PDB file of N, CA and C in Angstrom:
ATOM      1  N   UNK A   1     105.282  87.427 107.694  1.00  0.00           N
ATOM      2  CA  UNK A   1     105.547  88.850 107.588  1.00  0.00           C
ATOM      3  C   UNK A   1     105.997  89.134 106.157  1.00  0.00           C
ATOM      4  N   UNK A   2     105.476  90.190 105.590  1.00  0.00           N
ATOM      5  CA  UNK A   2     105.817  90.597 104.227  1.00  0.00           C
ATOM      6  C   UNK A   2     106.548  91.932 104.290  1.00  0.00           C
ATOM      7  N   UNK A   3     107.576  92.081 103.466  1.00  0.00           N
ATOM      8  CA  UNK A   3     108.318  93.343 103.381  1.00  0.00           C
ATOM      9  C   UNK A   3     108.197  93.892 101.965  1.00  0.00           C
ATOM     10  N   UNK A   4     108.022  95.210 101.870  1.00  0.00           N
ATOM     11  CA  UNK A   4     107.851  95.872 100.582  1.00  0.00           C
ATOM     12  C   UNK A   4     108.669  97.151 100.579  1.00  0.00           C
ATOM     13  N   UNK A   5     109.229  97.492  99.435  1.00  0.00           N
ATOM     14  CA  UNK A   5     109.979  98.734  99.300  1.00  0.00           C
ATOM     15  C   UNK A   5     109.136  99.747  98.540  1.00  0.00           C
ATOM     16  N   UNK A   6     108.888 100.887  99.187  1.00  0.00           N
ATOM     17  CA  UNK A   6     108.204 102.024  98.573  1.00  0.00           C
ATOM     18  C   UNK A   6     109.139 103.217  98.755  1.00  0.00           C
ATOM     19  N   UNK A   7     110.225 103.301  97.947  1.00  0.00           N
ATOM     20  CA  UNK A   7     111.264 104.298  98.183  1.00  0.00           C
ATOM     21  C   UNK A   7     110.696 105.678  98.492  1.00  0.00           C
ATOM     22  N   UNK A   8     111.212 106.345  99.495  1.00  0.00           N
ATOM     23  CA  UNK A   8     112.349 105.990 100.354  1.00  0.00           C
ATOM     24  C   UNK A   8     111.951 105.171 101.579  1.00  0.00           C
ATOM     25  N   UNK A   9     110.804 104.502 101.547  1.00  0.00           N
ATOM     26  CA  UNK A   9     110.306 103.789 102.714  1.00  0.00           C
ATOM     27  C   UNK A   9     110.389 102.278 102.522  1.00  0.00           C
ATOM     28  N   UNK A  10     110.558 101.583 103.625  1.00  0.00           N
ATOM     29  CA  UNK A  10     110.447 100.127 103.673  1.00  0.00           C
ATOM     30  C   UNK A  10     109.267  99.825 104.585  1.00  0.00           C
ATOM     31  N   UNK A  11     108.361  98.987 104.126  1.00  0.00           N
ATOM     32  CA  UNK A  11     107.153  98.675 104.883  1.00  0.00           C
ATOM     33  C   UNK A  11     107.121  97.174 105.153  1.00  0.00           C
ATOM     34  N   UNK A  12     106.877  96.816 106.412  1.00  0.00           N
ATOM     35  CA  UNK A  12     106.650  95.418 106.743  1.00  0.00           C
ATOM     36  C   UNK A  12     105.210  95.278 107.215  1.00  0.00           C
ATOM     37  N   UNK A  13     104.612  94.145 106.866  1.00  0.00           N
ATOM     38  CA  UNK A  13     103.208  93.883 107.186  1.00  0.00           C
ATOM     39  C   UNK A  13     103.111  92.545 107.896  1.00  0.00           C
ATOM     40  N   UNK A  14     102.311  92.514 108.939  1.00  0.00           N
ATOM     41  CA  UNK A  14     102.066  91.270 109.666  1.00  0.00           C
ATOM     42  C   UNK A  14     100.574  91.136 109.924  1.00  0.00           C
ATOM     43  N   UNK A  15     100.033  89.972 109.588  1.00  0.00           N
ATOM     44  CA  UNK A  15      98.618  89.699 109.860  1.00  0.00           C
ATOM     45  C   UNK A  15      98.469  89.238 111.305  1.00  0.00           C
ATOM     46  N   UNK A  16      97.415  89.717 111.963  1.00  0.00           N
ATOM     47  CA  UNK A  16      97.148  89.374 113.359  1.00  0.00           C
ATOM     48  C   UNK A  16      95.655  89.107 113.512  1.00  0.00           C
ATOM     49  N   UNK A  17      95.317  88.040 114.219  1.00  0.00           N
ATOM     50  CA  UNK A  17      93.918  87.776 114.561  1.00  0.00           C
ATOM     51  C   UNK A  17      93.798  87.844 116.060  1.00  0.00           C
ATOM     52  N   UNK A  18      92.740  88.454 116.550  1.00  0.00           N
ATOM     53  CA  UNK A  18      92.570  88.576 117.992  1.00  0.00           C
ATOM     54  C   UNK A  18      91.238  89.195 118.339  1.00  0.00           C
ATOM     55  N   UNK A  19      91.161  89.646 119.569  1.00  0.00           N
ATOM     56  CA  UNK A  19      89.948  90.274 120.071  1.00  0.00           C
ATOM     57  C   UNK A  19      90.222  91.757 120.249  1.00  0.00           C
ATOM     58  N   UNK A  20      89.344  92.590 119.696  1.00  0.00           N
ATOM     59  CA  UNK A  20      89.489  94.030 119.821  1.00  0.00           C
ATOM     60  C   UNK A  20      89.114  94.511 121.213  1.00  0.00           C
ATOM     61  N   UNK A  21      89.322  95.790 121.470  1.00  0.00           N
ATOM     62  CA  UNK A  21      89.003  96.366 122.772  1.00  0.00           C
ATOM     63  C   UNK A  21      87.513  96.284 123.083  1.00  0.00           C
ATOM     64  N   UNK A  22      86.694  96.141 122.043  1.00  0.00           N
ATOM     65  CA  UNK A  22      85.248  96.029 122.261  1.00  0.00           C
ATOM     66  C   UNK A  22      84.802  94.583 122.472  1.00  0.00           C
ATOM     67  N   UNK A  23      85.768  93.638 122.502  1.00  0.00           N
ATOM     68  CA  UNK A  23      85.449  92.242 122.740  1.00  0.00           C
ATOM     69  C   UNK A  23      85.055  91.459 121.509  1.00  0.00           C
ATOM     70  N   UNK A  24      85.045  92.102 120.346  1.00  0.00           N
ATOM     71  CA  UNK A  24      84.671  91.445 119.094  1.00  0.00           C
ATOM     72  C   UNK A  24      85.929  90.903 118.409  1.00  0.00           C
ATOM     73  N   UNK A  25      85.846  89.659 117.889  1.00  0.00           N
ATOM     74  CA  UNK A  25      86.964  89.099 117.134  1.00  0.00           C
ATOM     75  C   UNK A  25      87.241  89.996 115.940  1.00  0.00           C
ATOM     76  N   UNK A  26      88.529  90.211 115.665  1.00  0.00           N
ATOM     77  CA  UNK A  26      88.884  91.028 114.509  1.00  0.00           C
ATOM     78  C   UNK A  26      90.147  90.498 113.855  1.00  0.00           C
ATOM     79  N   UNK A  27      90.297  90.861 112.614  1.00  0.00           N
ATOM     80  CA  UNK A  27      91.468  90.531 111.829  1.00  0.00           C
ATOM     81  C   UNK A  27      92.149  91.857 111.521  1.00  0.00           C
ATOM     82  N   UNK A  28      93.470  91.905 111.664  1.00  0.00           N
ATOM     83  CA  UNK A  28      94.153  93.155 111.371  1.00  0.00           C
ATOM     84  C   UNK A  28      95.459  92.904 110.634  1.00  0.00           C
ATOM     85  N   UNK A  29      95.898  93.940 109.958  1.00  0.00           N
ATOM     86  CA  UNK A  29      97.208  93.982 109.329  1.00  0.00           C
ATOM     87  C   UNK A  29      97.969  95.090 110.019  1.00  0.00           C
ATOM     88  N   UNK A  30      99.120  94.755 110.585  1.00  0.00           N
ATOM     89  CA  UNK A  30      99.935  95.753 111.265  1.00  0.00           C
ATOM     90  C   UNK A  30     101.099  96.134 110.361  1.00  0.00           C
ATOM     91  N   UNK A  31     101.298  97.432 110.200  1.00  0.00           N
ATOM     92  CA  UNK A  31     102.306  97.965 109.296  1.00  0.00           C
ATOM     93  C   UNK A  31     103.380  98.716 110.085  1.00  0.00           C
ATOM     94  N   UNK A  32     104.630  98.478 109.735  1.00  0.00           N
ATOM     95  CA  UNK A  32     105.743  99.248 110.282  1.00  0.00           C
ATOM     96  C   UNK A  32     106.436  99.895 109.096  1.00  0.00           C
ATOM     97  N   UNK A  33     106.656 101.202 109.195  1.00  0.00           N
ATOM     98  CA  UNK A  33     107.266 101.962 108.108  1.00  0.00           C
ATOM     99  C   UNK A  33     108.579 102.555 108.608  1.00  0.00           C
ATOM    100  N   UNK A  34     109.668 102.300 107.887  1.00  0.00           N
ATOM    101  CA  UNK A  34     110.952 102.913 108.208  1.00  0.00           C
ATOM    102  C   UNK A  34     111.471 103.609 106.957  1.00  0.00           C
ATOM    103  N   UNK A  35     112.305 104.614 107.168  1.00  0.00           N
ATOM    104  CA  UNK A  35     112.877 105.355 106.051  1.00  0.00           C
ATOM    105  C   UNK A  35     112.371 106.782 106.042  1.00  0.00           C
ATOM    106  N   UNK A  36     112.817 107.533 105.063  1.00  0.00           N
ATOM    107  CA  UNK A  36     112.453 108.941 105.028  1.00  0.00           C
ATOM    108  C   UNK A  36     113.205 109.691 106.116  1.00  0.00           C
ATOM    109  N   UNK A  37     112.742 110.862 106.451  1.00  0.00           N
ATOM    110  CA  UNK A  37     113.450 111.713 107.412  1.00  0.00           C
ATOM    111  C   UNK A  37     113.049 111.468 108.859  1.00  0.00           C
ATOM    112  N   UNK A  38     111.929 110.795 109.086  1.00  0.00           N
ATOM    113  CA  UNK A  38     111.409 110.664 110.449  1.00  0.00           C
ATOM    114  C   UNK A  38     111.696 109.322 111.084  1.00  0.00           C
ATOM    115  N   UNK A  39     111.155 109.135 112.282  1.00  0.00           N
ATOM    116  CA  UNK A  39     111.316 107.859 112.996  1.00  0.00           C
ATOM    117  C   UNK A  39     110.410 106.783 112.394  1.00  0.00           C
ATOM    118  N   UNK A  40     110.515 105.570 112.887  1.00  0.00           N
ATOM    119  CA  UNK A  40     109.635 104.479 112.443  1.00  0.00           C
ATOM    120  C   UNK A  40     108.187 104.829 112.754  1.00  0.00           C
ATOM    121  N   UNK A  41     107.305 104.419 111.870  1.00  0.00           N
ATOM    122  CA  UNK A  41     105.874 104.670 112.027  1.00  0.00           C
ATOM    123  C   UNK A  41     105.155 103.329 112.149  1.00  0.00           C
ATOM    124  N   UNK A  42     104.110 103.293 112.972  1.00  0.00           N
ATOM    125  CA  UNK A  42     103.310 102.089 113.157  1.00  0.00           C
ATOM    126  C   UNK A  42     101.842 102.425 112.948  1.00  0.00           C
ATOM    127  N   UNK A  43     101.149 101.577 112.196  1.00  0.00           N
ATOM    128  CA  UNK A  43      99.707 101.713 112.078  1.00  0.00           C
ATOM    129  C   UNK A  43      99.114 100.357 111.741  1.00  0.00           C
ATOM    130  N   UNK A  44      97.812 100.250 111.856  1.00  0.00           N
ATOM    131  CA  UNK A  44      97.121  98.999 111.566  1.00  0.00           C
ATOM    132  C   UNK A  44      95.826  99.293 110.831  1.00  0.00           C
ATOM    133  N   UNK A  45      95.437  98.342 109.998  1.00  0.00           N
ATOM    134  CA  UNK A  45      94.121  98.371 109.373  1.00  0.00           C
ATOM    135  C   UNK A  45      93.424  97.119 109.885  1.00  0.00           C
ATOM    136  N   UNK A  46      92.224  97.306 110.454  1.00  0.00           N
ATOM    137  CA  UNK A  46      91.537  96.168 111.051  1.00  0.00           C
ATOM    138  C   UNK A  46      90.055  96.187 110.701  1.00  0.00           C
ATOM    139  N   UNK A  47      89.432  95.014 110.825  1.00  0.00           N
ATOM    140  CA  UNK A  47      87.991  94.913 110.614  1.00  0.00           C
ATOM    141  C   UNK A  47      87.463  93.791 111.484  1.00  0.00           C
ATOM    142  N   UNK A  48      86.226  93.923 111.943  1.00  0.00           N
ATOM    143  CA  UNK A  48      85.607  92.830 112.697  1.00  0.00           C
ATOM    144  C   UNK A  48      85.495  91.591 111.811  1.00  0.00           C
ATOM    145  N   UNK A  49      85.679  90.424 112.401  1.00  0.00           N
ATOM    146  CA  UNK A  49      85.585  89.183 111.654  1.00  0.00           C
ATOM    147  C   UNK A  49      84.202  89.077 111.022  1.00  0.00           C
ATOM    148  N   UNK A  50      84.160  88.737 109.746  1.00  0.00           N
ATOM    149  CA  UNK A  50      82.894  88.612 109.032  1.00  0.00           C
ATOM    150  C   UNK A  50      82.410  89.901 108.394  1.00  0.00           C
ATOM    151  N   UNK A  51      83.019  91.037 108.722  1.00  0.00           N
ATOM    152  CA  UNK A  51      82.623  92.317 108.135  1.00  0.00           C
ATOM    153  C   UNK A  51      83.257  92.460 106.749  1.00  0.00           C
ATOM    154  N   UNK A  52      82.734  93.369 105.952  1.00  0.00           N
ATOM    155  CA  UNK A  52      83.313  93.618 104.630  1.00  0.00           C
ATOM    156  C   UNK A  52      84.526  94.541 104.759  1.00  0.00           C
ATOM    157  N   UNK A  53      85.347  94.573 103.728  1.00  0.00           N
ATOM    158  CA  UNK A  53      86.521  95.451 103.776  1.00  0.00           C
ATOM    159  C   UNK A  53      86.127  96.922 103.805  1.00  0.00           C
ATOM    160  N   UNK A  54      84.921  97.257 103.333  1.00  0.00           N
ATOM    161  CA  UNK A  54      84.487  98.657 103.397  1.00  0.00           C
ATOM    162  C   UNK A  54      84.238  99.102 104.837  1.00  0.00           C
ATOM    163  N   UNK A  55      84.171  98.150 105.775  1.00  0.00           N
ATOM    164  CA  UNK A  55      83.993  98.471 107.189  1.00  0.00           C
ATOM    165  C   UNK A  55      85.320  98.482 107.949  1.00  0.00           C
ATOM    166  N   UNK A  56      86.428  98.292 107.241  1.00  0.00           N
ATOM    167  CA  UNK A  56      87.741  98.289 107.883  1.00  0.00           C
ATOM    168  C   UNK A  56      88.116  99.702 108.334  1.00  0.00           C
ATOM    169  N   UNK A  57      88.947  99.777 109.362  1.00  0.00           N
ATOM    170  CA  UNK A  57      89.390 101.065 109.921  1.00  0.00           C
ATOM    171  C   UNK A  57      90.908 101.092 110.010  1.00  0.00           C
ATOM    172  N   UNK A  58      91.452 102.286 109.951  1.00  0.00           N
ATOM    173  CA  UNK A  58      92.885 102.486 110.112  1.00  0.00           C
ATOM    174  C   UNK A  58      93.106 103.137 111.465  1.00  0.00           C
ATOM    175  N   UNK A  59      94.081 102.646 112.203  1.00  0.00           N
ATOM    176  CA  UNK A  59      94.440 103.252 113.475  1.00  0.00           C
ATOM    177  C   UNK A  59      95.943 103.478 113.500  1.00  0.00           C
ATOM    178  N   UNK A  60      96.355 104.576 114.105  1.00  0.00           N
ATOM    179  CA  UNK A  60      97.768 104.959 114.135  1.00  0.00           C
ATOM    180  C   UNK A  60      98.274 104.944 115.568  1.00  0.00           C
ATOM    181  N   UNK A  61      99.468 104.408 115.756  1.00  0.00           N
ATOM    182  CA  UNK A  61     100.114 104.466 117.062  1.00  0.00           C
ATOM    183  C   UNK A  61     100.275 105.938 117.428  1.00  0.00           C
ATOM    184  N   UNK A  62      99.813 106.349 118.619  1.00  0.00           N
ATOM    185  CA  UNK A  62      99.891 107.762 119.003  1.00  0.00           C
ATOM    186  C   UNK A  62     101.313 108.320 119.023  1.00  0.00           C
ATOM    187  N   UNK A  63     102.306 107.452 119.138  1.00  0.00           N
ATOM    188  CA  UNK A  63     103.687 107.926 119.172  1.00  0.00           C
ATOM    189  C   UNK A  63     104.309 108.004 117.784  1.00  0.00           C
ATOM    190  N   UNK A  64     103.585 107.571 116.768  1.00  0.00           N
ATOM    191  CA  UNK A  64     104.078 107.674 115.391  1.00  0.00           C
ATOM    192  C   UNK A  64     103.801 109.069 114.865  1.00  0.00           C
ATOM    193  N   UNK A  65     104.573 109.437 113.896  1.00  0.00           N
ATOM    194  CA  UNK A  65     104.325 110.708 113.235  1.00  0.00           C
ATOM    195  C   UNK A  65     103.322 110.528 112.116  1.00  0.00           C
ATOM    196  N   UNK A  66     103.174 111.529 111.259  1.00  0.00           N
ATOM    197  CA  UNK A  66     102.249 111.421 110.138  1.00  0.00           C
ATOM    198  C   UNK A  66     102.704 110.328 109.164  1.00  0.00           C
ATOM    199  N   UNK A  67     101.748 109.650 108.585  1.00  0.00           N
ATOM    200  CA  UNK A  67     102.054 108.565 107.646  1.00  0.00           C
ATOM    201  C   UNK A  67     101.991 109.127 106.231  1.00  0.00           C
ATOM    202  N   UNK A  68     103.043 108.916 105.431  1.00  0.00           N
ATOM    203  CA  UNK A  68     103.048 109.432 104.054  1.00  0.00           C
ATOM    204  C   UNK A  68     101.906 108.838 103.223  1.00  0.00           C
ATOM    205  N   UNK A  69     101.261 109.657 102.429  1.00  0.00           N
ATOM    206  CA  UNK A  69     100.120 109.245 101.629  1.00  0.00           C
ATOM    207  C   UNK A  69     100.412 108.050 100.720  1.00  0.00           C
ATOM    208  N   UNK A  70     101.563 107.970 100.028  1.00  0.00           N
ATOM    209  CA  UNK A  70     101.808 106.785  99.189  1.00  0.00           C
ATOM    210  C   UNK A  70     101.812 105.485  99.999  1.00  0.00           C
ATOM    211  N   UNK A  71     102.267 105.548 101.237  1.00  0.00           N
ATOM    212  CA  UNK A  71     102.270 104.364 102.098  1.00  0.00           C
ATOM    213  C   UNK A  71     100.836 103.991 102.468  1.00  0.00           C
ATOM    214  N   UNK A  72     100.015 104.972 102.809  1.00  0.00           N
ATOM    215  CA  UNK A  72      98.615 104.714 103.152  1.00  0.00           C
ATOM    216  C   UNK A  72      97.890 104.128 101.944  1.00  0.00           C
ATOM    217  N   UNK A  73      98.096 104.708 100.765  1.00  0.00           N
ATOM    218  CA  UNK A  73      97.424 104.217  99.558  1.00  0.00           C
ATOM    219  C   UNK A  73      97.806 102.761  99.290  1.00  0.00           C
ATOM    220  N   UNK A  74      99.092 102.436  99.416  1.00  0.00           N
ATOM    221  CA  UNK A  74      99.526 101.063  99.208  1.00  0.00           C
ATOM    222  C   UNK A  74      98.915 100.146 100.269  1.00  0.00           C
ATOM    223  N   UNK A  75      98.920 100.580 101.528  1.00  0.00           N
ATOM    224  CA  UNK A  75      98.388  99.762 102.624  1.00  0.00           C
ATOM    225  C   UNK A  75      96.902  99.484 102.439  1.00  0.00           C
ATOM    226  N   UNK A  76      96.134 100.473 102.003  1.00  0.00           N
ATOM    227  CA  UNK A  76      94.701 100.285 101.772  1.00  0.00           C
ATOM    228  C   UNK A  76      94.488  99.265 100.654  1.00  0.00           C
ATOM    229  N   UNK A  77      95.237  99.388  99.576  1.00  0.00           N
ATOM    230  CA  UNK A  77      95.126  98.441  98.477  1.00  0.00           C
ATOM    231  C   UNK A  77      95.491  97.034  98.935  1.00  0.00           C
ATOM    232  N   UNK A  78      96.549  96.914  99.719  1.00  0.00           N
ATOM    233  CA  UNK A  78      96.976  95.624 100.246  1.00  0.00           C
ATOM    234  C   UNK A  78      95.891  95.040 101.166  1.00  0.00           C
ATOM    235  N   UNK A  79      95.339  95.868 102.021  1.00  0.00           N
ATOM    236  CA  UNK A  79      94.310  95.407 102.963  1.00  0.00           C
ATOM    237  C   UNK A  79      93.057  94.951 102.227  1.00  0.00           C
ATOM    238  N   UNK A  80      92.677  95.648 101.177  1.00  0.00           N
ATOM    239  CA  UNK A  80      91.470  95.260 100.432  1.00  0.00           C
ATOM    240  C   UNK A  80      91.586  93.841  99.880  1.00  0.00           C
ATOM    241  N   UNK A  81      92.793  93.419  99.552  1.00  0.00           N
ATOM    242  CA  UNK A  81      92.938  92.076  98.992  1.00  0.00           C
ATOM    243  C   UNK A  81      93.375  91.028 100.014  1.00  0.00           C
ATOM    244  N   UNK A  82      93.739  91.453 101.243  1.00  0.00           N
ATOM    245  CA  UNK A  82      94.231  90.489 102.228  1.00  0.00           C
ATOM    246  C   UNK A  82      93.447  90.416 103.529  1.00  0.00           C
ATOM    247  N   UNK A  83      92.444  91.244 103.704  1.00  0.00           N
ATOM    248  CA  UNK A  83      91.622  91.148 104.931  1.00  0.00           C
ATOM    249  C   UNK A  83      90.378  90.326 104.652  1.00  0.00           C
TER     250      UNK A  83
END
Protein backbone atom coordinates (compact mmCIF):
# COMPACT_ATOMS: atom_id res chain seq x y z
CA UNK A 1 0.00 0.00 0.00
CA UNK A 2 1.31 3.44 -0.92
CA UNK A 3 0.32 6.69 0.80
CA UNK A 4 0.62 10.13 -0.79
CA UNK A 5 -0.16 13.63 0.45
CA UNK A 6 -2.01 15.94 -1.95
CA UNK A 7 -2.97 18.73 0.50
CA UNK A 8 -5.60 18.91 1.85
CA UNK A 9 -6.04 15.24 0.88
CA UNK A 10 -4.26 12.04 1.84
CA UNK A 11 -4.48 9.26 -0.74
CA UNK A 12 -3.70 5.60 -0.21
CA UNK A 13 -3.32 3.20 -3.12
CA UNK A 14 -3.49 -0.58 -3.13
CA UNK A 15 -2.90 -2.85 -6.11
CA UNK A 16 -5.39 -5.71 -6.52
CA UNK A 17 -5.50 -8.57 -9.02
CA UNK A 18 -8.68 -10.54 -9.50
CA UNK A 19 -11.60 -11.38 -11.71
CA UNK A 20 -13.99 -8.65 -12.80
CA UNK A 21 -17.77 -8.95 -12.83
CA UNK A 22 -17.53 -9.98 -16.49
CA UNK A 23 -15.31 -12.96 -15.58
CA UNK A 24 -12.18 -11.48 -17.17
CA UNK A 25 -8.94 -11.28 -15.15
CA UNK A 26 -8.13 -7.67 -14.33
CA UNK A 27 -5.59 -5.59 -12.51
CA UNK A 28 -6.76 -2.62 -10.49
CA UNK A 29 -5.53 0.16 -8.26
CA UNK A 30 -7.88 1.03 -5.43
CA UNK A 31 -7.70 4.56 -4.05
CA UNK A 32 -8.96 5.88 -0.72
CA UNK A 33 -9.05 9.65 -0.28
CA UNK A 34 -9.41 11.37 3.10
CA UNK A 35 -9.29 15.05 3.97
CA UNK A 36 -11.00 18.15 2.74
CA UNK A 37 -14.52 18.96 3.89
CA UNK A 38 -16.23 15.70 2.93
CA UNK A 39 -16.22 12.05 3.96
CA UNK A 40 -13.70 9.46 2.74
CA UNK A 41 -13.88 8.75 -0.98
CA UNK A 42 -13.21 5.42 -2.70
CA UNK A 43 -12.51 4.76 -6.36
CA UNK A 44 -10.56 2.35 -8.53
CA UNK A 45 -8.82 2.39 -11.87
CA UNK A 46 -8.81 -1.02 -13.54
CA UNK A 47 -7.98 -2.70 -16.83
CA UNK A 48 -8.33 -6.21 -18.21
CA UNK A 49 -5.11 -8.20 -17.94
CA UNK A 50 -3.07 -7.76 -21.11
CA UNK A 51 -4.93 -4.61 -22.19
CA UNK A 52 -3.17 -1.27 -22.67
CA UNK A 53 -3.47 1.53 -20.14
CA UNK A 54 -5.55 3.49 -22.68
CA UNK A 55 -8.25 0.84 -22.10
CA UNK A 56 -8.28 1.38 -18.32
CA UNK A 57 -11.49 2.59 -16.65
CA UNK A 58 -12.25 4.53 -13.49
CA UNK A 59 -15.08 3.44 -11.23
CA UNK A 60 -16.39 5.24 -8.16
CA UNK A 61 -17.98 3.75 -5.07
CA UNK A 62 -21.65 4.85 -5.28
CA UNK A 63 -21.52 5.98 -1.65
CA UNK A 64 -18.54 8.28 -2.25
CA UNK A 65 -18.98 11.89 -3.07
CA UNK A 66 -17.39 13.73 -5.98
CA UNK A 67 -13.66 13.17 -6.39
CA UNK A 68 -11.52 16.34 -6.54
CA UNK A 69 -9.89 16.86 -9.95
CA UNK A 70 -6.29 17.10 -8.61
CA UNK A 71 -6.74 13.67 -7.01
CA UNK A 72 -8.10 12.19 -10.26
CA UNK A 73 -5.25 13.72 -12.28
CA UNK A 74 -2.66 12.29 -9.88
CA UNK A 75 -4.40 8.87 -9.84
CA UNK A 76 -4.48 8.69 -13.66
CA UNK A 77 -0.78 9.55 -13.85
CA UNK A 78 0.00 6.95 -11.17
CA UNK A 79 -2.10 4.31 -12.95
CA UNK A 80 -0.42 4.95 -16.30
CA UNK A 81 2.92 3.98 -14.79
CA UNK A 82 1.74 1.20 -12.45
CA UNK A 83 -0.93 -0.79 -14.31
